[in-house]
N, C-alpha and C. Protein backbone atom coordinates (compact mmCIF):
# COMPACT_ATOMS: atom_id res chain seq x y z
N UNK A 1 0.86 -1.18 0.00
CA UNK A 1 0.00 0.00 0.00
C UNK A 1 0.90 1.24 0.00
N UNK A 2 0.61 2.15 -0.85
CA UNK A 2 1.46 3.33 -0.93
C UNK A 2 1.04 4.39 0.11
N UNK A 3 1.86 5.38 0.26
CA UNK A 3 1.66 6.41 1.27
C UNK A 3 0.39 7.22 1.03
N UNK A 4 0.07 7.50 -0.22
CA UNK A 4 -1.12 8.29 -0.54
C UNK A 4 -2.39 7.59 -0.06
N UNK A 5 -2.50 6.30 -0.25
CA UNK A 5 -3.68 5.55 0.17
C UNK A 5 -3.77 5.51 1.70
N UNK A 6 -2.66 5.46 2.38
CA UNK A 6 -2.66 5.42 3.84
C UNK A 6 -3.12 6.76 4.43
N UNK A 7 -2.81 7.85 3.76
CA UNK A 7 -3.21 9.18 4.24
C UNK A 7 -4.59 9.55 3.72
N UNK A 8 -4.94 9.12 2.54
CA UNK A 8 -6.17 9.52 1.87
C UNK A 8 -7.42 9.09 2.64
N UNK A 9 -7.51 7.85 3.05
CA UNK A 9 -8.71 7.33 3.72
C UNK A 9 -8.95 8.01 5.08
N UNK A 10 -7.98 8.09 5.97
CA UNK A 10 -8.25 8.79 7.24
C UNK A 10 -8.59 10.27 7.05
N UNK A 11 -7.99 10.89 6.04
CA UNK A 11 -8.27 12.29 5.77
C UNK A 11 -9.72 12.49 5.33
N UNK A 12 -10.21 11.61 4.48
CA UNK A 12 -11.61 11.70 4.04
C UNK A 12 -12.55 11.47 5.21
N UNK A 13 -12.26 10.49 6.04
CA UNK A 13 -13.11 10.23 7.22
C UNK A 13 -13.09 11.44 8.15
N UNK A 14 -11.93 12.03 8.35
CA UNK A 14 -11.82 13.22 9.20
C UNK A 14 -12.65 14.37 8.63
N UNK A 15 -12.55 14.58 7.33
CA UNK A 15 -13.27 15.68 6.68
C UNK A 15 -14.79 15.47 6.69
N UNK A 16 -15.23 14.23 6.59
CA UNK A 16 -16.66 13.95 6.51
C UNK A 16 -17.30 13.89 7.90
N UNK A 17 -16.58 13.42 8.91
CA UNK A 17 -17.19 13.21 10.23
C UNK A 17 -16.79 14.31 11.21
N UNK A 18 -15.51 14.52 11.39
CA UNK A 18 -15.02 15.38 12.47
C UNK A 18 -15.23 16.86 12.15
N UNK A 19 -14.89 17.30 10.96
CA UNK A 19 -14.95 18.72 10.62
C UNK A 19 -16.37 19.28 10.72
N UNK A 20 -17.41 18.61 10.18
CA UNK A 20 -18.76 19.17 10.35
C UNK A 20 -19.20 19.27 11.81
N UNK A 21 -18.87 18.26 12.62
CA UNK A 21 -19.22 18.31 14.04
C UNK A 21 -18.48 19.46 14.71
N UNK A 22 -17.23 19.63 14.38
CA UNK A 22 -16.42 20.70 14.94
C UNK A 22 -17.00 22.07 14.57
N UNK A 23 -17.36 22.26 13.31
CA UNK A 23 -17.93 23.54 12.86
C UNK A 23 -19.27 23.81 13.56
N UNK A 24 -20.12 22.81 13.64
CA UNK A 24 -21.42 22.99 14.30
C UNK A 24 -21.22 23.35 15.77
N UNK A 25 -20.32 22.67 16.45
CA UNK A 25 -20.07 22.95 17.86
C UNK A 25 -19.49 24.36 18.04
N UNK A 26 -18.61 24.76 17.14
CA UNK A 26 -18.01 26.09 17.22
C UNK A 26 -19.06 27.19 17.10
N UNK A 27 -19.90 27.10 16.06
CA UNK A 27 -20.88 28.16 15.84
C UNK A 27 -22.03 28.10 16.84
N UNK A 28 -22.33 26.94 17.39
CA UNK A 28 -23.32 26.86 18.47
C UNK A 28 -22.81 27.59 19.70
N UNK A 29 -21.56 27.40 20.02
CA UNK A 29 -20.96 28.09 21.16
C UNK A 29 -20.97 29.60 20.93
N UNK A 30 -20.60 30.04 19.75
CA UNK A 30 -20.60 31.47 19.43
C UNK A 30 -22.00 32.05 19.53
N UNK A 31 -22.99 31.32 19.05
CA UNK A 31 -24.38 31.77 19.08
C UNK A 31 -24.86 31.94 20.52
N UNK A 32 -24.50 30.99 21.37
CA UNK A 32 -24.91 31.08 22.78
C UNK A 32 -24.22 32.25 23.48
N UNK A 33 -22.98 32.54 23.12
CA UNK A 33 -22.27 33.66 23.72
C UNK A 33 -22.89 34.99 23.31
N UNK A 34 -23.32 35.11 22.08
CA UNK A 34 -23.89 36.37 21.62
C UNK A 34 -25.31 36.58 22.13
N UNK A 35 -25.99 35.53 22.54
CA UNK A 35 -27.34 35.68 23.08
C UNK A 35 -27.34 36.31 24.45
N UNK A 36 -26.29 36.14 25.21
CA UNK A 36 -26.24 36.70 26.56
C UNK A 36 -25.61 38.09 26.52
N UNK A 37 -25.95 38.90 27.51
CA UNK A 37 -25.42 40.25 27.61
C UNK A 37 -24.18 40.20 28.50
N UNK A 38 -23.09 40.75 28.00
CA UNK A 38 -21.85 40.75 28.77
C UNK A 38 -21.92 41.81 29.87
N UNK A 39 -20.99 41.75 30.81
CA UNK A 39 -20.96 42.71 31.91
C UNK A 39 -20.70 44.12 31.38
N UNK A 40 -19.87 44.24 30.37
CA UNK A 40 -19.58 45.54 29.77
C UNK A 40 -20.84 46.13 29.14
N UNK A 41 -21.56 45.29 28.38
CA UNK A 41 -22.80 45.75 27.76
C UNK A 41 -23.83 46.13 28.81
N UNK A 42 -23.89 45.36 29.88
CA UNK A 42 -24.86 45.64 30.94
C UNK A 42 -24.55 46.97 31.63
N UNK A 43 -23.28 47.24 31.90
CA UNK A 43 -22.93 48.52 32.53
C UNK A 43 -23.17 49.67 31.57
N UNK A 44 -22.92 49.45 30.28
CA UNK A 44 -23.18 50.49 29.29
C UNK A 44 -24.67 50.80 29.20
N UNK A 45 -25.49 49.76 29.24
CA UNK A 45 -26.94 49.96 29.22
C UNK A 45 -27.41 50.71 30.47
N UNK A 46 -26.82 50.40 31.61
CA UNK A 46 -27.15 51.12 32.84
C UNK A 46 -26.80 52.59 32.74
N UNK A 47 -25.62 52.88 32.19
CA UNK A 47 -25.21 54.27 32.01
C UNK A 47 -26.15 55.00 31.05
N UNK A 48 -26.53 54.34 29.96
CA UNK A 48 -27.45 54.95 29.01
C UNK A 48 -28.81 55.20 29.65
N UNK A 49 -29.26 54.27 30.49
CA UNK A 49 -30.55 54.43 31.17
C UNK A 49 -30.50 55.65 32.11
N UNK A 50 -29.42 55.79 32.86
CA UNK A 50 -29.27 56.94 33.75
C UNK A 50 -29.21 58.24 32.96
N UNK A 51 -28.49 58.23 31.86
CA UNK A 51 -28.38 59.42 31.02
C UNK A 51 -29.74 59.80 30.44
N UNK A 52 -30.50 58.81 29.99
CA UNK A 52 -31.83 59.08 29.44
C UNK A 52 -32.75 59.64 30.53
N UNK A 53 -32.65 59.13 31.73
CA UNK A 53 -33.47 59.64 32.84
C UNK A 53 -33.12 61.10 33.14
N UNK A 54 -31.82 61.43 33.15
CA UNK A 54 -31.41 62.82 33.39
C UNK A 54 -31.91 63.73 32.28
N UNK A 55 -31.79 63.27 31.02
CA UNK A 55 -32.27 64.08 29.90
C UNK A 55 -33.78 64.30 29.98
N UNK A 56 -34.51 63.25 30.35
CA UNK A 56 -35.96 63.38 30.47
C UNK A 56 -36.30 64.42 31.54
N UNK A 57 -35.59 64.41 32.65
CA UNK A 57 -35.84 65.39 33.72
C UNK A 57 -35.51 66.80 33.24
N UNK A 58 -34.44 66.95 32.49
CA UNK A 58 -34.09 68.27 31.94
C UNK A 58 -35.14 68.78 30.99
N UNK A 59 -35.66 67.91 30.13
CA UNK A 59 -36.70 68.31 29.18
C UNK A 59 -37.96 68.74 29.94
N UNK A 60 -38.32 68.01 30.97
CA UNK A 60 -39.48 68.38 31.78
C UNK A 60 -39.28 69.76 32.40
N UNK A 61 -38.08 70.00 32.94
CA UNK A 61 -37.79 71.31 33.53
C UNK A 61 -37.83 72.42 32.49
N UNK A 62 -37.27 72.17 31.31
CA UNK A 62 -37.31 73.17 30.24
C UNK A 62 -38.75 73.47 29.81
N UNK A 63 -39.58 72.44 29.73
CA UNK A 63 -40.97 72.66 29.36
C UNK A 63 -41.70 73.47 30.43
N UNK A 64 -41.38 73.24 31.71
CA UNK A 64 -41.98 74.03 32.78
C UNK A 64 -41.57 75.50 32.66
N UNK A 65 -40.30 75.74 32.36
CA UNK A 65 -39.82 77.11 32.20
C UNK A 65 -40.51 77.77 31.02
N UNK A 66 -40.60 77.06 29.90
CA UNK A 66 -41.27 77.62 28.72
C UNK A 66 -42.75 77.87 28.98
N UNK A 67 -43.40 76.96 29.70
CA UNK A 67 -44.81 77.16 30.03
C UNK A 67 -45.00 78.43 30.85
N UNK A 68 -44.06 78.71 31.76
CA UNK A 68 -44.18 79.89 32.61
C UNK A 68 -43.84 81.17 31.86
N UNK A 69 -42.82 81.11 30.99
CA UNK A 69 -42.36 82.34 30.33
C UNK A 69 -43.03 82.59 28.98
N UNK A 70 -43.39 81.56 28.26
CA UNK A 70 -43.98 81.72 26.93
C UNK A 70 -45.23 80.85 26.84
N UNK A 71 -46.35 81.35 27.36
CA UNK A 71 -47.56 80.55 27.30
C UNK A 71 -47.97 80.29 25.85
N UNK A 72 -48.44 79.10 25.57
CA UNK A 72 -48.89 78.74 24.23
C UNK A 72 -47.77 78.39 23.27
N UNK A 73 -46.57 78.17 23.75
CA UNK A 73 -45.45 77.82 22.87
C UNK A 73 -45.64 76.47 22.19
N UNK A 74 -46.43 75.61 22.79
CA UNK A 74 -46.64 74.29 22.20
C UNK A 74 -47.50 74.35 20.94
N UNK A 75 -48.38 75.33 20.85
CA UNK A 75 -49.26 75.43 19.70
C UNK A 75 -48.60 76.13 18.52
N UNK A 76 -47.47 76.78 18.73
CA UNK A 76 -46.77 77.50 17.67
C UNK A 76 -45.96 76.51 16.81
N UNK A 77 -46.32 76.46 15.55
CA UNK A 77 -45.56 75.61 14.61
C UNK A 77 -45.58 76.20 13.25
């Protein structure tokens, strides 16, 4: 038996059986990792939530000031 035949058969079996299982396992793991929120993303979302709350409070205060100083400003367009 020559060297090519000795390498050829195990290589085909490896390519047909092991490689597809390996690829499926790899991308399944990646998919599960991307489904969860990392600690960095969670802290960033918390910061964004706090920032949005502060902005909302500022807008409310600005609307109160405008209501007091410029009555009917909402109807002007």
